[in-house]
């Protein structure tokens, strides 16, 4: 082979080597691109799946809670004042109203929603007769009974820190509640002072459904003594439960007044009915219920004070037994 041929052969060999090297580099880049594209596609799929899961979780309907639309500020202060200062003249004119009195004062009424005389050691706290209330914020019957109970107790003492709430819409299992979103008050966070009696309220649950239990979130718990008192007169543990000095027990509300009467009513409309007394059927029912509660409380306070235990009130005591 001549030198020229040898040189040409070497040149061709180098050129082929460079071409093969370029092709190999191109193949490597192509593989890398495919890997990047494939990895990117997998990542994109993962991102889409995660996004869809988050959208599903965030868009899944949670338990319904009642609106927090009660009065605030000056409006709240005005409503509380109207509720806690219903004139004695208005209450006296209503008297027993149209409430059913057939079973009031009968021992068979326990469990039926009426004030019932009971026997037992006097219920006291701080050296004074005690009124024990057990309820829950989700409970529509508790919602109804708080209105007359506040009116009655305000004749013996003073509330502070009362706040508005509504009964529940549904429980943690998604089941609808009767008389949903009834406008009311909660005793949780409120305080009460009186020289004549001690008021002890226990709100067991909120109105917020708890999906982990199918019930409602816990708010307060009964003491052993309170649980014993409830068991003595209502072994089923129902509420609302009101024990007035272990002299009278009331379960539920006084018929025919019921949560249904409060449907669609605002707080100011209800307090307006209270101060109007006989001017409205709702005012008559709530004021009459408050009068019966007042009569029972007067029994354990020795008819004190006279501003609460008026002749119109003491006249109802004979119906209590």
Protein backbone atom coordinates (compact mmCIF):
# COMPACT_ATOMS: atom_id res chain seq x y z
CA UNK A 1 0.00 0.00 0.00
CA UNK A 2 1.36 3.39 -0.97
CA UNK A 3 1.79 6.15 1.51
CA UNK A 4 -1.10 8.02 -0.10
CA UNK A 5 -3.38 5.00 0.20
CA UNK A 6 -2.32 4.43 3.78
CA UNK A 7 -2.97 8.04 4.62
CA UNK A 8 -6.35 7.89 2.94
CA UNK A 9 -7.18 4.67 4.84
CA UNK A 10 -6.25 6.29 8.14
CA UNK A 11 -8.30 9.33 7.30
CA UNK A 12 -11.34 7.17 6.48
CA UNK A 13 -10.88 5.19 9.68
CA UNK A 14 -10.81 8.39 11.75
CA UNK A 15 -13.86 9.74 9.99
CA UNK A 16 -15.79 6.54 10.57
CA UNK A 17 -14.72 6.56 14.20
CA UNK A 18 -15.99 10.12 14.59
CA UNK A 19 -19.28 9.25 12.88
CA UNK A 20 -19.78 6.21 15.14
CA UNK A 21 -18.97 8.36 18.16
CA UNK A 22 -21.47 11.00 17.02
CA UNK A 23 -24.11 8.35 16.43
CA UNK A 24 -23.48 6.84 19.86
CA UNK A 25 -23.75 10.28 21.46
CA UNK A 26 -26.97 10.89 19.56
CA UNK A 27 -28.39 7.58 20.73
CA UNK A 28 -27.49 8.41 24.34
CA UNK A 29 -29.21 11.78 24.07
CA UNK A 30 -32.27 10.16 22.52
CA UNK A 31 -32.45 7.64 25.38
CA UNK A 32 -32.05 10.44 27.90
CA UNK A 33 -34.82 12.43 26.22
CA UNK A 34 -37.11 9.41 26.29
CA UNK A 35 -36.35 8.85 29.95
CA UNK A 36 -37.01 12.50 30.72
CA UNK A 37 -40.24 12.48 28.73
CA UNK A 38 -41.37 9.25 30.36
CA UNK A 39 -40.46 10.47 33.83
CA UNK A 40 -42.18 13.77 33.19
CA UNK A 41 -45.30 11.99 32.03
CA UNK A 42 -45.33 9.82 35.16
CA UNK A 43 -44.83 12.88 37.33
CA UNK A 44 -47.61 14.68 35.52
CA UNK A 45 -49.93 11.73 36.12
CA UNK A 46 -49.01 11.71 39.82
CA UNK A 47 -49.67 15.44 40.08
CA UNK A 48 -53.05 15.09 38.38
CA UNK A 49 -54.04 12.18 40.65
CA UNK A 50 -53.02 14.08 43.79
CA UNK A 51 -54.90 17.15 42.59
CA UNK A 52 -58.03 15.12 41.94
CA UNK A 53 -57.83 13.56 45.40
CA UNK A 54 -57.47 16.98 47.01
CA UNK A 55 -60.36 18.38 45.01
CA UNK A 56 -62.52 15.43 46.04
CA UNK A 57 -61.62 15.83 49.70
CA UNK A 58 -62.17 19.56 49.69
CA UNK A 59 -65.39 19.35 47.73
CA UNK A 60 -66.88 16.46 49.71
CA UNK A 61 -69.86 17.77 51.69
CA UNK A 62 -69.05 17.95 55.38
CA UNK A 63 -71.60 17.88 58.20
CA UNK A 64 -73.98 20.81 58.12
CA UNK A 65 -73.82 23.26 61.01
CA UNK A 66 -76.45 25.87 61.89
CA UNK A 67 -75.74 29.51 61.02
CA UNK A 68 -74.16 31.73 63.62
CA UNK A 69 -76.42 34.67 62.88
CA UNK A 70 -77.56 35.88 66.29
CA UNK A 71 -77.44 39.56 67.26
CA UNK A 72 -74.11 41.08 68.30
CA UNK A 73 -72.91 44.27 69.93
CA UNK A 74 -75.62 46.76 70.82
CA UNK A 75 -78.33 44.58 69.29
CA UNK A 76 -77.30 41.66 71.52
CA UNK A 77 -77.25 43.86 74.63
CA UNK A 78 -80.74 45.16 73.81
CA UNK A 79 -82.09 41.66 73.21
CA UNK A 80 -80.62 40.34 76.48
CA UNK A 81 -82.10 43.27 78.38
CA UNK A 82 -85.56 42.65 76.89
CA UNK A 83 -85.31 38.95 77.71
CA UNK A 84 -84.19 39.41 81.32
CA UNK A 85 -86.49 42.28 82.24
CA UNK A 86 -89.93 41.16 81.12
CA UNK A 87 -92.24 43.41 83.20
CA UNK A 88 -93.94 41.76 86.17
CA UNK A 89 -97.19 43.35 85.02
CA UNK A 90 -96.96 41.52 81.68
CA UNK A 91 -96.15 38.19 83.34
CA UNK A 92 -98.92 38.69 85.89
CA UNK A 93 -101.48 39.38 83.18
CA UNK A 94 -100.54 36.14 81.39
CA UNK A 95 -100.70 33.98 84.52
CA UNK A 96 -100.97 30.30 83.55
CA UNK A 97 -101.87 31.15 79.98
CA UNK A 98 -103.20 28.36 77.83
CA UNK A 99 -100.65 25.75 78.91
CA UNK A 100 -101.99 22.29 79.57
CA UNK A 101 -102.25 21.79 83.33
CA UNK A 102 -103.89 18.36 83.47
CA UNK A 103 -100.70 16.58 84.56
CA UNK A 104 -98.85 19.40 86.30
CA UNK A 105 -98.19 18.33 89.86
CA UNK A 106 -98.69 14.65 89.09
CA UNK A 107 -95.88 12.18 89.74
CA UNK A 108 -96.87 10.37 86.55
CA UNK A 109 -95.72 13.38 84.60
CA UNK A 110 -92.01 12.59 84.97
CA UNK A 111 -90.86 11.89 81.45
CA UNK A 112 -93.85 13.68 80.02
CA UNK A 113 -92.45 17.19 80.09
CA UNK A 114 -94.24 18.68 83.10
CA UNK A 115 -93.20 20.16 86.41
CA UNK A 116 -93.50 17.30 88.84
CA UNK A 117 -93.11 17.29 92.63
CA UNK A 118 -90.42 14.91 93.84
CA UNK A 119 -89.14 13.83 97.22
CA UNK A 120 -85.55 13.68 98.30
CA UNK A 121 -82.91 15.57 100.19
CA UNK A 122 -83.00 19.28 99.30
CA UNK A 123 -80.69 20.13 96.42
CA UNK A 124 -78.47 22.99 97.57
CA UNK A 125 -75.24 24.73 96.61
CA UNK A 126 -73.46 27.48 98.47
CA UNK A 127 -76.02 27.31 101.26
CA UNK A 128 -78.88 28.16 98.86
CA UNK A 129 -81.47 26.12 96.95
CA UNK A 130 -80.00 24.91 93.67
CA UNK A 131 -81.61 24.83 90.24
CA UNK A 132 -79.81 22.25 88.11
CA UNK A 133 -80.22 22.41 84.34
CA UNK A 134 -78.82 19.78 81.98
CA UNK A 135 -79.03 20.25 78.23
CA UNK A 136 -77.05 20.52 75.03
CA UNK A 137 -76.68 23.15 72.35
CA UNK A 138 -77.86 20.81 69.57
CA UNK A 139 -81.14 19.96 71.34
CA UNK A 140 -84.24 21.80 70.02
CA UNK A 141 -86.25 21.14 73.19
CA UNK A 142 -83.41 22.64 75.22
CA UNK A 143 -83.51 25.57 72.81
CA UNK A 144 -87.19 26.10 73.60
CA UNK A 145 -86.96 25.68 77.38
CA UNK A 146 -84.09 28.15 77.80
CA UNK A 147 -86.34 31.09 76.88
CA UNK A 148 -88.82 30.74 79.80
CA UNK A 149 -86.09 29.50 82.14
CA UNK A 150 -84.05 32.66 81.58
CA UNK A 151 -87.15 34.81 82.09
CA UNK A 152 -87.94 33.02 85.35
CA UNK A 153 -84.41 33.01 86.77
CA UNK A 154 -83.96 36.70 85.91
CA UNK A 155 -86.61 37.49 88.53
CA UNK A 156 -84.31 36.08 91.23
CA UNK A 157 -80.87 37.15 90.00
CA UNK A 158 -78.70 38.41 87.17
CA UNK A 159 -77.21 36.75 84.10
CA UNK A 160 -74.04 37.86 82.39
CA UNK A 161 -72.32 36.51 79.31
CA UNK A 162 -75.40 35.03 77.64
CA UNK A 163 -74.73 34.29 73.97
CA UNK A 164 -76.96 33.14 71.15
CA UNK A 165 -76.88 29.82 69.34
CA UNK A 166 -79.15 27.55 67.31
CA UNK A 167 -80.11 23.91 67.63
CA UNK A 168 -78.49 21.57 65.13
CA UNK A 169 -79.35 20.78 61.53
CA UNK A 170 -78.04 17.21 61.52
CA UNK A 171 -75.92 14.87 63.61
CA UNK A 172 -72.50 13.44 62.82
CA UNK A 173 -74.07 10.53 60.96
CA UNK A 174 -75.77 12.97 58.59
CA UNK A 175 -79.28 12.36 59.95
CA UNK A 176 -81.53 15.41 60.00
CA UNK A 177 -82.69 16.74 63.37
CA UNK A 178 -86.24 17.79 64.22
CA UNK A 179 -86.99 21.51 64.54
CA UNK A 180 -83.61 22.42 62.99
CA UNK A 181 -81.78 25.67 63.73
CA UNK A 182 -84.14 26.79 66.50
CA UNK A 183 -83.05 30.21 67.77
CA UNK A 184 -81.96 30.10 71.40
CA UNK A 185 -79.25 30.86 73.95
CA UNK A 186 -76.48 28.81 75.51
CA UNK A 187 -75.60 28.76 79.18
CA UNK A 188 -72.04 27.71 78.35
CA UNK A 189 -69.74 30.59 79.21
CA UNK A 190 -72.51 32.52 81.00
CA UNK A 191 -72.70 33.22 84.72
CA UNK A 192 -75.55 33.86 87.13
CA UNK A 193 -75.66 35.47 90.56
CA UNK A 194 -78.53 35.54 93.04
CA UNK A 195 -78.90 36.02 96.79
CA UNK A 196 -81.79 33.54 96.76
CA UNK A 197 -80.60 30.52 94.77
CA UNK A 198 -77.75 28.90 92.86
CA UNK A 199 -78.22 28.14 89.20
CA UNK A 200 -76.01 25.35 87.83
CA UNK A 201 -76.24 24.83 84.08
CA UNK A 202 -74.51 22.00 82.22
CA UNK A 203 -74.43 22.04 78.41
CA UNK A 204 -73.24 18.55 77.50
CA UNK A 205 -72.61 18.99 73.77
CA UNK A 206 -72.18 21.61 71.09
CA UNK A 207 -74.38 21.87 68.00
CA UNK A 208 -71.45 20.78 65.79
CA UNK A 209 -71.75 17.22 64.41
CA UNK A 210 -68.87 14.85 65.15
CA UNK A 211 -68.44 12.46 62.23
CA UNK A 212 -66.08 10.25 64.23
CA UNK A 213 -68.86 9.36 66.68
CA UNK A 214 -71.99 10.13 64.68
CA UNK A 215 -73.10 12.39 67.56
CA UNK A 216 -71.91 15.87 68.63
CA UNK A 217 -68.69 17.22 70.06
CA UNK A 218 -68.54 17.17 73.85
CA UNK A 219 -68.75 20.48 75.68
CA UNK A 220 -69.18 19.76 79.39
CA UNK A 221 -69.52 16.69 81.61
CA UNK A 222 -71.74 15.94 84.60
CA UNK A 223 -70.22 15.47 88.01
CA UNK A 224 -70.98 12.23 89.85
CA UNK A 225 -73.44 14.08 92.07
CA UNK A 226 -75.22 15.64 89.09
CA UNK A 227 -75.39 12.29 87.30
CA UNK A 228 -76.81 10.72 90.46
CA UNK A 229 -79.49 13.42 90.63
CA UNK A 230 -80.49 12.81 87.03
CA UNK A 231 -80.54 9.05 87.50
CA UNK A 232 -82.86 9.38 90.48
CA UNK A 233 -85.58 11.10 88.47
CA UNK A 234 -84.80 10.23 84.87
CA UNK A 235 -82.79 7.01 84.50
CA UNK A 236 -82.98 7.33 80.71
CA UNK A 237 -80.75 10.41 80.91
CA UNK A 238 -82.89 12.55 78.64
CA UNK A 239 -82.72 16.31 78.42
CA UNK A 240 -83.54 19.09 78.90
CA UNK A 241 -83.62 18.19 82.58
CA UNK A 242 -84.40 20.77 85.26
CA UNK A 243 -84.28 20.00 88.96
CA UNK A 244 -85.57 22.79 91.19
CA UNK A 245 -84.10 22.16 94.63
CA UNK A 246 -85.16 18.47 94.53
CA UNK A 247 -88.70 19.73 94.97
CA UNK A 248 -89.74 19.77 91.31
CA UNK A 249 -88.39 18.17 88.18
CA UNK A 250 -89.16 19.21 84.64
CA UNK A 251 -88.30 17.26 81.51
CA UNK A 252 -88.71 18.82 78.08
CA UNK A 253 -91.05 21.84 77.82
CA UNK A 254 -94.55 22.60 79.10
CA UNK A 255 -97.19 21.64 76.51
CA UNK A 256 -98.47 23.07 74.23
CA UNK A 257 -95.35 25.28 73.94
CA UNK A 258 -92.74 23.55 71.75
CA UNK A 259 -89.72 24.28 69.53
CA UNK A 260 -92.11 24.40 66.58
CA UNK A 261 -93.50 27.66 67.93
CA UNK A 262 -90.07 29.26 67.46
CA UNK A 263 -89.68 28.22 63.82
CA UNK A 264 -88.64 31.12 61.60
CA UNK A 265 -88.45 33.52 64.54
CA UNK A 266 -85.47 35.79 65.20
CA UNK A 267 -84.20 36.60 68.67
CA UNK A 268 -85.67 40.10 68.59
CA UNK A 269 -89.03 38.79 67.39
CA UNK A 270 -89.16 36.29 70.26
CA UNK A 271 -88.23 38.86 72.90
CA UNK A 272 -90.80 41.19 71.35
CA UNK A 273 -93.42 38.49 71.85
CA UNK A 274 -92.33 38.04 75.47
CA UNK A 275 -92.71 41.69 76.34
CA UNK A 276 -95.99 41.79 74.45
CA UNK A 277 -97.45 39.04 76.63
CA UNK A 278 -101.04 38.32 75.64
CA UNK A 279 -100.59 40.30 72.46
CA UNK A 280 -99.23 37.13 70.81
CA UNK A 281 -99.78 33.42 71.27
CA UNK A 282 -96.02 32.84 71.39
CA UNK A 283 -95.58 35.44 74.11
CA UNK A 284 -98.42 33.90 76.12
CA UNK A 285 -96.92 30.40 75.91
CA UNK A 286 -93.38 31.39 76.89
CA UNK A 287 -94.46 33.80 79.64
CA UNK A 288 -96.88 31.23 81.10
CA UNK A 289 -94.11 28.61 81.10
CA UNK A 290 -91.83 31.11 82.83
CA UNK A 291 -94.55 31.76 85.42
CA UNK A 292 -94.86 28.07 86.30
CA UNK A 293 -91.09 27.79 86.64
CA UNK A 294 -91.11 30.91 88.81
CA UNK A 295 -93.84 29.43 91.01
CA UNK A 296 -91.77 26.29 91.55
CA UNK A 297 -88.64 28.29 92.37
CA UNK A 298 -90.62 30.43 94.82
CA UNK A 299 -91.55 27.22 96.64
CA UNK A 300 -87.88 26.48 97.41
CA UNK A 301 -86.88 30.08 98.20
CA UNK A 302 -89.68 30.56 100.73
CA UNK A 303 -91.54 32.88 98.34
CA UNK A 304 -88.65 35.32 98.19
CA UNK A 305 -88.25 37.88 96.81
CA UNK A 306 -91.71 39.41 96.79
CA UNK A 307 -90.96 41.06 93.43
CA UNK A 308 -90.79 37.60 91.88
CA UNK A 309 -93.23 35.68 94.08
CA UNK A 310 -96.20 37.92 93.38
CA UNK A 311 -99.83 36.97 94.07
CA UNK A 312 -100.19 36.01 90.39
CA UNK A 313 -97.28 33.60 90.79
CA UNK A 314 -98.20 32.10 94.15
CA UNK A 315 -101.68 31.46 92.77
CA UNK A 316 -100.10 28.94 90.39
CA UNK A 317 -98.38 27.02 93.18
CA UNK A 318 -101.54 25.07 94.01
CA UNK A 319 -101.38 23.54 90.53
CA UNK A 320 -97.87 22.22 91.23
CA UNK A 321 -98.91 19.93 94.08
